[in-house]
Protein backbone atom coordinates (compact mmCIF):
# COMPACT_ATOMS: atom_id res chain seq x y z
CA MET A 1 -24.12 -11.81 31.37
CA GLY A 2 -23.44 -10.68 34.85
CA LYS A 3 -25.63 -8.54 37.02
CA TYR A 4 -23.16 -5.66 36.98
CA SER A 5 -22.04 -5.75 33.36
CA ALA A 6 -22.67 -2.69 31.24
CA SER A 7 -23.32 -4.56 28.02
CA PHE A 8 -26.75 -2.98 27.57
CA LYS A 9 -25.37 0.56 27.48
CA GLN A 10 -24.44 2.05 24.15
CA VAL A 11 -21.16 3.86 24.05
CA PHE A 12 -21.29 6.97 21.91
CA GLN A 13 -18.10 8.00 20.22
CA LYS A 14 -17.26 11.58 19.48
CA PRO A 15 -17.57 12.42 15.78
CA ARG A 16 -14.33 13.10 13.97
CA PRO A 17 -13.45 16.75 13.50
CA TRP A 18 -12.71 16.05 9.82
CA GLU A 19 -14.26 14.18 6.95
CA ILE A 20 -12.42 12.37 4.17
CA HIS A 21 -13.20 13.87 0.80
CA PRO A 22 -14.67 11.36 -1.69
CA VAL A 23 -11.99 12.24 -4.25
CA TRP A 24 -9.30 10.94 -1.89
CA ARG A 25 -11.23 7.72 -1.45
CA GLY A 26 -11.38 7.34 -5.22
CA ILE A 27 -7.65 8.00 -5.54
CA GLY A 28 -6.96 5.42 -2.83
CA CYS A 29 -9.12 2.84 -4.59
CA LEU A 30 -7.37 3.56 -7.86
CA LEU A 31 -3.95 3.15 -6.23
CA ILE A 32 -4.98 -0.16 -4.64
CA ILE A 33 -5.78 -1.43 -8.14
CA LEU A 34 -2.94 0.22 -10.10
CA LEU A 35 0.05 -0.29 -7.80
CA PRO A 36 0.08 -4.12 -7.94
CA ILE A 37 -0.45 -4.06 -11.71
CA LEU A 38 2.37 -1.56 -12.24
CA SER A 39 4.72 -3.40 -9.90
CA PHE A 40 4.02 -6.72 -11.63
CA ALA A 41 4.64 -5.18 -15.07
CA ALA A 42 7.86 -3.55 -13.83
CA SER A 43 9.01 -6.84 -12.31
CA ARG A 44 8.43 -8.66 -15.62
CA LEU A 45 10.51 -6.04 -17.45
CA LEU A 46 13.21 -6.12 -14.78
CA ILE A 47 13.43 -9.92 -14.88
CA GLN A 48 13.66 -9.92 -18.69
CA GLU A 49 16.43 -7.34 -18.63
CA ASN A 50 18.21 -9.27 -15.87
CA SER A 51 18.20 -12.40 -18.03
CA ARG A 52 19.88 -10.44 -20.85
CA GLN A 53 22.39 -8.46 -18.76
CA GLN A 54 23.06 -11.06 -15.99
CA TRP A 55 23.05 -8.51 -13.14
CA VAL A 56 21.92 -10.93 -10.43
CA SER A 57 21.88 -14.71 -10.58
CA VAL A 58 18.42 -16.08 -9.78
CA PRO A 59 18.21 -19.45 -7.99
CA ARG A 60 16.58 -22.31 -9.91
CA PHE A 61 13.75 -22.87 -7.43
CA LEU A 62 12.43 -19.36 -8.14
CA TRP A 63 11.89 -20.27 -11.79
CA PHE A 64 9.00 -22.56 -10.82
CA GLY A 65 5.84 -21.16 -12.32
CA PHE A 66 2.25 -21.65 -13.28
CA THR A 67 0.10 -20.51 -16.18
CA MET A 68 -2.70 -17.94 -15.99
CA PRO A 69 -5.08 -17.73 -18.97
CA ALA A 70 -4.95 -13.96 -19.54
CA ILE A 71 -1.40 -13.26 -18.35
CA GLY A 72 0.61 -16.28 -19.41
CA ARG A 73 3.39 -17.99 -17.47
CA ILE A 74 4.04 -16.51 -14.01
CA TYR A 75 7.20 -17.45 -12.15
CA LEU A 76 7.87 -17.17 -8.43
CA VAL A 77 10.68 -14.74 -9.17
CA ASP A 78 8.12 -12.44 -10.83
CA LEU A 79 5.97 -12.50 -7.71
CA ALA A 80 8.92 -11.94 -5.35
CA VAL A 81 10.25 -8.96 -7.30
CA SER A 82 6.70 -7.64 -7.68
CA ILE A 83 6.14 -7.66 -3.90
CA LEU A 84 9.49 -5.96 -3.37
CA LEU A 85 8.70 -3.26 -5.94
CA LEU A 86 5.23 -2.80 -4.45
CA ALA A 87 6.74 -2.09 -1.02
CA VAL A 88 9.29 0.34 -2.49
CA ILE A 89 6.68 2.22 -4.55
CA PHE A 90 4.34 2.40 -1.55
CA GLY A 91 7.15 3.77 0.60
CA ILE A 92 8.05 6.41 -1.97
CA LEU A 93 4.41 7.50 -2.33
CA THR A 94 4.06 7.68 1.46
CA VAL A 95 7.09 9.96 1.77
CA ILE A 96 5.88 12.18 -1.09
CA TYR A 97 2.39 12.39 0.42
CA SER A 98 3.74 13.30 3.86
CA LEU A 99 5.95 16.04 2.39
CA ILE A 100 3.06 17.50 0.40
CA PHE A 101 0.78 17.32 3.43
CA ARG A 102 3.40 19.05 5.58
CA ILE A 103 3.69 21.88 3.06
CA PHE A 104 0.01 22.42 2.24
CA ALA A 105 -1.76 21.48 5.50
CA PRO A 106 -3.96 24.17 7.01
CA ARG A 107 -2.59 26.11 9.96
CA GLY A 108 -3.20 24.36 13.28
CA TRP A 109 -3.81 20.97 11.66
CA SER A 110 -0.76 19.44 13.34
CA ASN A 111 -2.22 20.28 16.76
CA LEU A 112 -5.14 17.99 16.01
CA PHE A 113 -2.96 14.88 16.17
CA SER A 114 -0.67 15.90 19.02
CA ARG A 115 -1.21 14.52 22.50
CA ARG A 116 -2.94 16.86 24.85
CA LYS A 117 -1.50 17.28 28.29
CA VAL A 118 -4.18 17.15 30.93
């Protein structure tokens, strides 16, 4: 600690002009839990249908897997497709949310996030 350091001063931040409603926090928590589960289930169905229809050939090294007690055999291809589907679903939900927010946002809300010219 130097003689001229300001480490003893507390920096007060301005409070936010908005508060996040608890319902939105609950929806976010629910989506954090549901999206990976739904993407994993969709990837399992997509992989099963791919093995029947032969849409895309899957390399042999992706068929390496391990066993989970409650789920069963999990292959690397399941995890790879699951991560891909998770990113796509998240992107779609983000676009839908931004469109809904743009339509239903209160008047003047967009000025809150714009840069102010000093």
